[in-house]
Protein backbone atom coordinates (compact mmCIF):
# COMPACT_ATOMS: atom_id res chain seq x y z
CA ALA A 1 24.15 -24.37 2.06
CA GLY A 2 24.38 -22.13 -1.09
CA GLY A 3 23.91 -22.60 -4.83
CA GLY A 4 24.12 -21.02 -8.19
CA GLU A 5 27.08 -19.74 -9.36
CA CYS A 6 28.57 -18.66 -6.08
CA SER A 7 28.36 -21.85 -4.51
CA GLY A 8 32.11 -22.38 -3.93
CA ALA A 9 33.89 -20.62 -1.26
CA GLY A 10 37.04 -20.00 -3.58
CA GLN A 11 34.60 -17.93 -6.02
CA VAL A 12 33.39 -16.04 -3.08
CA ILE A 13 36.55 -15.09 -1.75
CA GLY A 14 38.09 -14.44 -5.26
CA GLY A 15 35.95 -11.27 -5.63
CA HIS A 16 33.76 -11.86 -8.56
CA CYS A 17 30.64 -13.39 -6.60
CA LEU A 18 31.31 -11.36 -3.55
CA ILE A 19 30.92 -7.90 -5.98
CA LYS A 20 27.66 -9.56 -7.50
CA MET A 21 26.25 -10.28 -4.26
CA ARG A 22 27.03 -6.31 -3.10
CA TRP A 23 25.34 -5.24 -6.10
CA GLY A 24 22.17 -7.74 -5.38
CA GLU A 25 22.10 -6.44 -1.98
CA LEU A 26 21.91 -2.50 -3.06
CA LEU A 27 19.12 -4.00 -5.45
CA LEU A 28 17.05 -5.29 -2.44
CA ASP A 29 18.02 -2.18 -0.47
CA GLY A 30 17.02 -0.02 -3.36
CA LEU A 31 13.56 -1.98 -3.89
CA ILE A 32 12.50 -1.48 -0.39
CA HIS A 33 13.68 2.32 -0.30
CA GLY A 34 12.12 2.64 -3.75
CA SER A 35 8.69 1.29 -2.42
CA ASP A 36 8.88 3.85 0.74
CA LEU A 37 9.33 6.64 -1.74
CA CYS A 38 6.38 5.71 -3.80
CA ILE A 39 4.18 5.99 -0.76
CA GLY A 40 5.75 9.36 -0.01
CA GLY A 41 4.56 10.22 -3.64
CA THR A 42 1.28 9.17 -2.97
CA PHE A 43 1.08 11.72 -0.59
CA VAL A 44 2.55 14.41 -2.67
CA MET A 45 0.03 13.77 -5.06
CA ILE A 46 -2.61 14.42 -3.00
CA PHE A 47 -1.33 17.58 -1.37
CA LEU A 48 -1.12 18.92 -5.03
CA LYS A 49 -4.43 18.02 -6.02
CA LEU A 50 -5.81 19.81 -2.76
CA ARG A 51 -3.74 22.79 -3.47
CA LYS A 52 -4.51 22.88 -7.00
CA THR A 53 -8.09 22.40 -6.93
CA LYS A 54 -8.62 23.90 -3.35
CA SER A 55 -11.16 21.04 -3.09
CA ALA A 56 -11.40 17.06 -1.86
CA SER A 57 -13.74 16.30 -4.46
CA GLY A 58 -13.22 13.07 -6.10
CA LEU A 59 -11.16 11.81 -3.25
CA SER A 60 -11.97 8.95 -0.71
CA LEU A 61 -11.51 9.88 3.15
CA GLN A 62 -11.65 6.13 3.99
CA THR A 63 -8.73 5.53 1.60
CA LEU A 64 -6.77 8.24 2.78
CA ALA A 65 -7.72 7.42 6.44
CA THR A 66 -6.62 3.49 5.87
CA VAL A 67 -3.43 4.52 3.81
CA VAL A 68 -2.38 6.89 6.65
CA GLY A 69 -3.18 4.38 9.25
CA ALA A 70 -1.11 1.55 7.83
CA ARG A 71 1.84 4.17 7.51
CA VAL A 72 1.49 4.74 11.05
CA LEU A 73 1.35 0.87 11.95
CA HIS A 74 4.21 0.56 9.99
CA LEU A 75 6.65 2.55 12.36
CA LEU A 76 5.90 -0.21 14.89
CA SER A 77 7.70 -2.47 12.86
CA HIS A 78 10.96 -0.59 13.49
CA ILE A 79 10.41 -0.81 17.17
CA ILE A 80 9.42 -4.82 17.40
CA GLY A 81 12.22 -5.49 14.96
CA LEU A 82 10.13 -6.59 12.04
CA HIS A 83 11.42 -4.36 9.63
CA TYR A 84 14.04 -5.09 6.71
CA GLN A 85 17.34 -4.57 7.89
CA PRO A 86 19.42 -3.10 4.86
CA THR A 87 22.79 -4.43 4.14
CA VAL A 88 24.32 -1.59 1.76
CA MET A 89 22.37 1.50 2.17
CA PRO A 90 22.56 3.52 5.73
CA TRP A 91 19.88 2.03 8.10
CA PHE A 92 18.72 5.59 9.40
CA VAL A 93 17.51 6.11 6.02
CA PHE A 94 14.71 3.77 6.13
CA PRO A 95 13.19 4.94 9.62
CA THR A 96 13.52 8.19 8.54
CA ILE A 97 11.63 8.14 5.43
CA ASP A 98 9.02 5.94 7.26
CA VAL A 99 8.67 8.83 9.67
CA ILE A 100 8.45 11.38 7.29
CA ASN A 101 5.66 9.43 5.40
CA ALA A 102 3.95 8.96 8.27
CA VAL A 103 3.77 12.49 9.21
CA ILE A 104 3.33 13.93 6.15
CA GLY A 105 0.02 11.44 5.82
CA VAL A 106 -1.17 12.35 9.21
CA SER A 107 -0.91 16.35 8.20
CA LEU A 108 -2.80 15.71 4.93
CA LEU A 109 -5.76 14.07 6.82
CA VAL A 110 -5.91 16.40 9.47
CA THR A 111 -5.75 19.46 6.54
CA LEU A 112 -8.43 17.42 4.57
CA SER A 113 -10.93 17.20 7.88
CA LEU A 114 -10.41 21.07 9.17
CA ASN A 115 -10.04 22.77 5.65
CA PHE A 116 -11.72 20.55 2.90
CA TYR A 117 -14.34 18.58 4.35
CA ASN A 118 -17.05 20.85 3.04
CA SER A 119 -16.00 19.78 -0.51
CA TYR A 120 -15.47 16.13 0.36
CA GLU A 121 -18.01 14.17 -1.30
CA LYS A 122 -19.25 11.66 1.49
CA ALA A 123 -22.48 10.69 -0.34
CA LYS A 124 -19.94 8.95 -2.93
CA ASP A 125 -17.69 7.54 -0.35
CA ASN A 126 -19.96 5.19 0.55
CA PHE A 127 -18.22 1.88 0.03
CA GLY A 128 -19.80 -0.39 2.52
CA ILE A 129 -22.99 1.03 3.28
CA HIS A 130 -24.58 -1.48 0.78
CA ALA A 131 -23.58 -4.13 3.01
CA LEU A 132 -25.25 -2.63 6.11
CA GLU A 133 -28.38 -1.81 4.06
CA LYS A 134 -28.76 -5.57 2.81
CA LEU A 135 -28.36 -6.45 6.39
CA LYS A 136 -31.18 -3.96 7.47
CA LEU A 137 -28.74 -2.25 9.84
CA VAL A 138 -29.02 1.08 7.79
CA SER A 139 -32.06 2.46 5.92
CA GLU A 140 -31.80 3.85 2.61
CA ASP A 141 -33.17 7.12 3.80
CA SER A 142 -31.18 7.24 7.26
CA LEU A 143 -29.25 10.21 7.76
CA ILE A 144 -25.99 8.21 8.85
CA ARG A 145 -25.97 6.39 5.38
CA THR A 146 -23.59 9.04 4.01
CA SER A 147 -21.32 9.21 7.46
CA PRO A 148 -17.97 8.53 6.51
CA PHE A 149 -17.44 6.93 10.18
CA VAL A 150 -20.32 4.50 9.37
CA ALA A 151 -18.67 3.21 6.14
CA ALA A 152 -15.41 3.01 7.61
CA SER A 153 -16.65 0.58 10.47
CA VAL A 154 -17.51 -1.86 7.84
CA LEU A 155 -14.40 -1.54 6.22
CA TYR A 156 -12.32 -1.94 9.42
CA ALA A 157 -14.63 -4.85 10.23
CA VAL A 158 -13.80 -6.62 6.95
CA VAL A 159 -10.14 -5.79 7.54
CA ALA A 160 -10.22 -7.54 11.17
CA VAL A 161 -11.83 -10.63 9.64
CA LEU A 162 -9.68 -10.92 6.77
CA ALA A 163 -6.47 -10.46 8.77
CA LEU A 164 -7.65 -13.48 11.12
CA LEU A 165 -8.13 -15.73 8.02
CA TRP A 166 -4.77 -14.39 6.89
CA TYR A 167 -3.29 -15.23 10.17
CA LEU A 168 -4.72 -18.91 9.53
CA VAL A 169 -2.92 -19.02 6.20
CA ARG A 170 0.41 -16.75 6.99
CA ARG A 171 3.35 -18.81 8.54
CA SER A 172 4.80 -16.81 11.28
CA GLN A 173 7.30 -17.97 14.00
CA HIS A 174 6.22 -14.81 16.23
CA SER A 175 3.62 -14.76 19.14
CA PHE A 176 -0.26 -14.37 17.99
CA LEU A 177 -0.19 -10.83 18.51
CA ILE A 178 2.83 -9.82 16.72
CA SER A 179 1.45 -12.24 13.46
CA TYR A 180 -1.95 -10.78 13.89
CA PHE A 181 -0.67 -7.32 14.02
CA CYS A 182 1.28 -8.10 10.54
CA CYS A 183 -1.76 -9.56 9.25
CA TYR A 184 -3.87 -6.58 10.19
CA TYR A 185 -1.35 -4.05 8.40
CA GLU A 186 -1.22 -6.29 5.31
CA CYS A 187 -4.81 -6.69 4.84
CA MET A 188 -5.24 -2.60 5.54
CA GLY A 189 -2.86 -2.24 2.65
CA ALA A 190 -4.78 -4.54 0.40
CA VAL A 191 -8.20 -2.87 0.92
CA ALA A 192 -7.29 0.47 1.31
CA LEU A 193 -7.68 1.65 -2.39
CA ILE A 194 -10.99 -0.29 -2.88
CA PRO A 195 -13.13 2.96 -1.45
CA GLN A 196 -11.19 5.39 -3.66
CA LEU A 197 -11.70 2.76 -6.87
CA TRP A 198 -15.22 2.63 -5.93
CA MET A 199 -15.70 6.44 -6.14
CA PHE A 200 -13.78 6.50 -9.32
CA HIS A 201 -16.42 4.01 -11.06
CA GLN A 202 -19.17 6.20 -10.01
CA ASP A 203 -17.57 9.13 -11.80
CA LYS A 204 -16.12 7.45 -14.76
CA ARG A 205 -13.51 10.43 -14.85
CA VAL A 206 -10.34 10.48 -13.06
CA SER A 207 -7.68 13.83 -12.58
CA PRO A 208 -4.25 13.16 -13.28
CA LEU A 209 -3.17 13.71 -9.72
CA LEU A 210 -5.66 11.17 -8.17
CA ALA A 211 -4.62 8.61 -11.23
CA ASN A 212 -1.08 9.14 -10.35
CA PHE A 213 -1.86 8.47 -6.45
CA VAL A 214 -3.02 4.81 -7.78
CA VAL A 215 -0.32 4.41 -10.27
CA LEU A 216 2.35 5.36 -7.42
CA THR A 217 0.68 2.84 -5.06
CA ALA A 218 0.80 0.24 -7.70
CA MET A 219 4.57 0.86 -8.12
CA ASN A 220 4.92 0.51 -4.43
CA ARG A 221 3.63 -2.84 -4.42
CA LEU A 222 5.47 -3.59 -7.51
CA CYS A 223 8.54 -2.92 -5.75
CA THR A 224 7.69 -5.21 -2.76
CA LEU A 225 7.21 -7.95 -5.29
CA CYS A 226 10.47 -7.41 -7.15
CA PHE A 227 12.08 -7.68 -3.57
CA TRP A 228 10.62 -11.18 -2.73
CA ILE A 229 11.53 -12.47 -6.25
CA CYS A 230 15.23 -11.21 -6.07
CA TYR A 231 15.66 -12.16 -2.68
CA PRO A 232 16.77 -15.62 -2.92
CA ARG A 233 18.76 -15.10 -5.79
CA VAL A 234 20.87 -12.61 -3.60
CA PHE A 235 20.92 -14.68 -0.31
CA TYR A 236 21.38 -18.13 -1.50
CA TRP A 237 21.32 -19.53 2.22
CA ARG A 238 18.26 -17.70 3.01
CA TYR A 239 14.49 -18.53 2.37
CA PRO A 240 11.94 -16.83 4.27
CA ASP A 241 9.17 -19.36 5.12
CA ASN A 242 6.56 -16.24 4.05
CA ARG A 243 8.28 -15.62 0.87
CA GLY A 244 5.76 -17.42 -0.97
CA ILE A 245 2.55 -15.94 0.78
CA GLN A 246 4.03 -12.37 0.56
CA MET A 247 4.37 -12.83 -3.10
CA ALA A 248 0.69 -13.89 -3.39
CA SER A 249 -0.37 -10.93 -1.29
CA GLU A 250 1.66 -8.62 -3.42
CA THR A 251 0.59 -10.17 -6.72
CA LEU A 252 -3.26 -9.57 -5.22
CA ASN A 253 -2.60 -6.15 -4.46
CA LEU A 254 -1.62 -5.56 -8.22
CA LEU A 255 -4.82 -7.22 -9.40
CA ILE A 256 -6.92 -5.38 -7.34
CA LEU A 257 -5.59 -2.25 -9.34
CA SER A 258 -4.96 -3.86 -12.53
CA ASP A 259 -8.73 -2.38 -13.91
CA PHE A 260 -7.85 0.94 -13.44
CA LEU A 261 -4.10 0.82 -14.50
CA PHE A 262 -5.37 -0.66 -17.71
CA TYR A 263 -7.52 2.39 -18.41
CA TRP A 264 -4.95 4.66 -17.04
CA ALA A 265 -2.49 3.01 -19.54
CA ARG A 266 -5.16 3.54 -22.26
CA SER A 267 -5.97 7.18 -21.51
CA LYS A 268 -2.54 7.81 -21.77
CA LEU A 269 -2.16 6.19 -24.99
CA ARG A 270 -5.12 8.25 -26.57
CA GLY A 271 -3.61 11.43 -24.86
CA ASP A 272 -6.55 12.08 -22.70
CA THR A 273 -6.54 14.66 -20.14
CA GLU A 274 -8.35 12.51 -17.63
CA VAL A 275 -8.63 8.83 -17.21
CA ILE A 276 -11.72 7.55 -18.81
CA LEU A 277 -13.10 4.39 -17.28
CA GLY A 278 -15.31 1.88 -18.55
């Protein structure tokens, strides 16, 4: 096995390709670590928004709960041995940052629910309610129409179905439960920001801190995509079966955010204090 410039054993022993490989391994470790740091950065943006405005206006509780739930589920990947194992950076850095992210996320969710719920715009955080209305499961004048729990039930039902469909496409050598867990986690990540984007397009204006929340999420997914692109260039003798499907997944995630990222970049170029949509 092997290929490229470092296919010869003598070259590897000679040192040049070995050094090149170590730098490549450090790059992969750094991309995964950078991805985790971007997730932590999204929580910092929400914390700063709550602290600065003393309000949860403009923030989707559905999105925050889904993002936090995904980070908590992500901790299980260390327990069942699915998490990426670094080759250069110390191993403990990765579970440590994951635990910190999960704790901060849960703390933010509790803080918003206890201290800022009165300012939470639940009437706007209604992604999924329209589907229930069309199915005549919820009437337009029903009090539960503005309940975030009803809207969230639609979101998680969609995630469960998408995860099952994703399982039929995603190649895996693990058992059904582990494979479905991975699919569910990935689908949660894919739909997590859709309720937040839904709220953005109702107001047409997004504050800088909430905009940074989305941009850091995009950077998280870009780091993961770059990891899968670079992987075979570092480990010539390895080619994960799910690499192609993971790249397609992260590309789709970025496409979901691309509309907002366009308006974010345009607002930056114009010097606007807020991101203006549409």
